[in-house]
Amino acid sequence: MRYLLIYDITHDGARTKVADVCLDYGLERVQYSAFIGELSKVHQRELLLKIKRRLGKHGANIQLFPLDEKSWASRNVIVQEEKG
């Protein structure tokens, strides 16, 4: 199933480490603090454990949302390049 992982991490180093873990699990960055991709149940657990370890003592808000096919197909996207 496809998942959306979003986070708010104040510490720069911890934030970079979490992004690296997401990329290691094949997730695609869709915004600076948002990744999307396919994850099995086992990979979800592994990913969240690795993220927790990488955070160490730093504060964070990490959320992982499942996206079924209907939700994904119903999404709205605006992408606009800066003009000027």
C-alpha atoms as a PDB file:
ATOM      1  CA  MET A   1       0.000   0.000   0.000  1.00  0.00           C
ATOM      2  CA  ARG A   2       1.077   3.583  -0.628  1.00  0.00           C
ATOM      3  CA  TYR A   3       1.918   5.735   2.421  1.00  0.00           C
ATOM      4  CA  LEU A   4       2.489   9.415   3.040  1.00  0.00           C
ATOM      5  CA  LEU A   5       5.067  10.231   5.717  1.00  0.00           C
ATOM      6  CA  ILE A   6       5.247  13.799   6.988  1.00  0.00           C
ATOM      7  CA  TYR A   7       7.369  15.247   9.738  1.00  0.00           C
ATOM      8  CA  ASP A   8       8.224  18.341  11.692  1.00  0.00           C
ATOM      9  CA  ILE A   9      11.736  18.129  13.150  1.00  0.00           C
ATOM     10  CA  THR A  10      13.464  21.224  14.493  1.00  0.00           C
ATOM     11  CA  HIS A  11      17.036  19.864  14.633  1.00  0.00           C
ATOM     12  CA  ASP A  12      18.753  20.117  11.227  1.00  0.00           C
ATOM     13  CA  GLY A  13      20.963  17.042  11.674  1.00  0.00           C
ATOM     14  CA  ALA A  14      18.115  14.819  12.857  1.00  0.00           C
ATOM     15  CA  ARG A  15      15.909  16.070  10.018  1.00  0.00           C
ATOM     16  CA  THR A  16      18.589  15.170   7.456  1.00  0.00           C
ATOM     17  CA  LYS A  17      19.038  11.702   8.973  1.00  0.00           C
ATOM     18  CA  VAL A  18      15.279  11.035   8.841  1.00  0.00           C
ATOM     19  CA  ALA A  19      15.130  12.144   5.195  1.00  0.00           C
ATOM     20  CA  ASP A  20      17.999   9.763   4.397  1.00  0.00           C
ATOM     21  CA  VAL A  21      16.142   6.856   6.024  1.00  0.00           C
ATOM     22  CA  CYS A  22      13.024   7.654   3.984  1.00  0.00           C
ATOM     23  CA  LEU A  23      15.071   7.642   0.791  1.00  0.00           C
ATOM     24  CA  ASP A  24      16.716   4.358   1.836  1.00  0.00           C
ATOM     25  CA  TYR A  25      13.236   2.801   1.969  1.00  0.00           C
ATOM     26  CA  GLY A  26      12.458   3.949  -1.564  1.00  0.00           C
ATOM     27  CA  LEU A  27      10.158   6.779  -0.586  1.00  0.00           C
ATOM     28  CA  GLU A  28       9.968   9.751  -2.921  1.00  0.00           C
ATOM     29  CA  ARG A  29      10.252  13.274  -1.568  1.00  0.00           C
ATOM     30  CA  VAL A  30       7.161  15.279  -2.552  1.00  0.00           C
ATOM     31  CA  GLN A  31       7.952  18.288  -0.347  1.00  0.00           C
ATOM     32  CA  TYR A  32      10.776  19.178   2.029  1.00  0.00           C
ATOM     33  CA  SER A  33       9.192  17.289   4.933  1.00  0.00           C
ATOM     34  CA  ALA A  34       6.939  14.866   3.071  1.00  0.00           C
ATOM     35  CA  PHE A  35       7.663  11.514   1.433  1.00  0.00           C
ATOM     36  CA  ILE A  36       5.419   9.062  -0.358  1.00  0.00           C
ATOM     37  CA  GLY A  37       5.817   5.466  -1.464  1.00  0.00           C
ATOM     38  CA  GLU A  38       4.918   1.829  -1.169  1.00  0.00           C
ATOM     39  CA  LEU A  39       5.630   0.155   2.181  1.00  0.00           C
ATOM     40  CA  SER A  40       4.812  -3.314   3.472  1.00  0.00           C
ATOM     41  CA  LYS A  41       3.787  -3.716   7.126  1.00  0.00           C
ATOM     42  CA  VAL A  42       7.272  -5.006   7.949  1.00  0.00           C
ATOM     43  CA  HIS A  43       8.932  -2.047   6.224  1.00  0.00           C
ATOM     44  CA  GLN A  44       6.620   0.379   8.026  1.00  0.00           C
ATOM     45  CA  ARG A  45       7.732  -0.955  11.393  1.00  0.00           C
ATOM     46  CA  GLU A  46      11.410  -1.005  10.391  1.00  0.00           C
ATOM     47  CA  LEU A  47      11.224   2.531   8.986  1.00  0.00           C
ATOM     48  CA  LEU A  48       9.592   3.962  12.095  1.00  0.00           C
ATOM     49  CA  LEU A  49      12.091   2.201  14.376  1.00  0.00           C
ATOM     50  CA  LYS A  50      15.033   3.534  12.372  1.00  0.00           C
ATOM     51  CA  ILE A  51      13.547   7.024  12.395  1.00  0.00           C
ATOM     52  CA  LYS A  52      13.109   6.881  16.151  1.00  0.00           C
ATOM     53  CA  ARG A  53      16.744   5.823  16.568  1.00  0.00           C
ATOM     54  CA  ARG A  54      17.999   8.556  14.256  1.00  0.00           C
ATOM     55  CA  LEU A  55      16.061  11.215  16.176  1.00  0.00           C
ATOM     56  CA  GLY A  56      17.912  10.438  19.377  1.00  0.00           C
ATOM     57  CA  LYS A  57      16.829  12.962  22.002  1.00  0.00           C
ATOM     58  CA  HIS A  58      15.546  15.550  19.507  1.00  0.00           C
ATOM     59  CA  GLY A  59      11.866  16.462  19.368  1.00  0.00           C
ATOM     60  CA  ALA A  60       9.766  15.519  16.373  1.00  0.00           C
ATOM     61  CA  ASN A  61       6.270  15.001  15.049  1.00  0.00           C
ATOM     62  CA  ILE A  62       6.248  12.128  12.551  1.00  0.00           C
ATOM     63  CA  GLN A  63       3.027  10.924  10.940  1.00  0.00           C
ATOM     64  CA  LEU A  64       2.484   8.028   8.538  1.00  0.00           C
ATOM     65  CA  PHE A  65      -0.795   7.934   6.613  1.00  0.00           C
ATOM     66  CA  PRO A  66      -2.061   5.046   4.460  1.00  0.00           C
ATOM     67  CA  LEU A  67      -3.422   6.099   1.076  1.00  0.00           C
ATOM     68  CA  ASP A  68      -5.743   3.676  -0.644  1.00  0.00           C
ATOM     69  CA  GLU A  69      -6.073   3.812  -4.425  1.00  0.00           C
ATOM     70  CA  LYS A  70      -9.325   5.802  -4.284  1.00  0.00           C
ATOM     71  CA  SER A  71      -7.750   8.469  -2.061  1.00  0.00           C
ATOM     72  CA  TRP A  72      -4.654   8.634  -4.243  1.00  0.00           C
ATOM     73  CA  ALA A  73      -6.699   8.936  -7.437  1.00  0.00           C
ATOM     74  CA  SER A  74      -8.784  11.728  -5.866  1.00  0.00           C
ATOM     75  CA  ARG A  75      -5.818  13.895  -4.901  1.00  0.00           C
ATOM     76  CA  ASN A  76      -5.454  17.443  -6.189  1.00  0.00           C
ATOM     77  CA  VAL A  77      -2.037  18.789  -7.086  1.00  0.00           C
ATOM     78  CA  ILE A  78      -0.815  22.244  -8.054  1.00  0.00           C
ATOM     79  CA  VAL A  79       2.797  22.573  -9.164  1.00  0.00           C
ATOM     80  CA  GLN A  80       3.900  25.958 -10.402  1.00  0.00           C
ATOM     81  CA  GLU A  81       7.384  27.093 -11.256  1.00  0.00           C
ATOM     82  CA  GLU A  82       8.433  30.502 -10.006  1.00  0.00           C
ATOM     83  CA  LYS A  83       8.000  33.169 -12.667  1.00  0.00           C
ATOM     84  CA  GLY A  84      10.109  36.140 -13.187  1.00  0.00           C
END
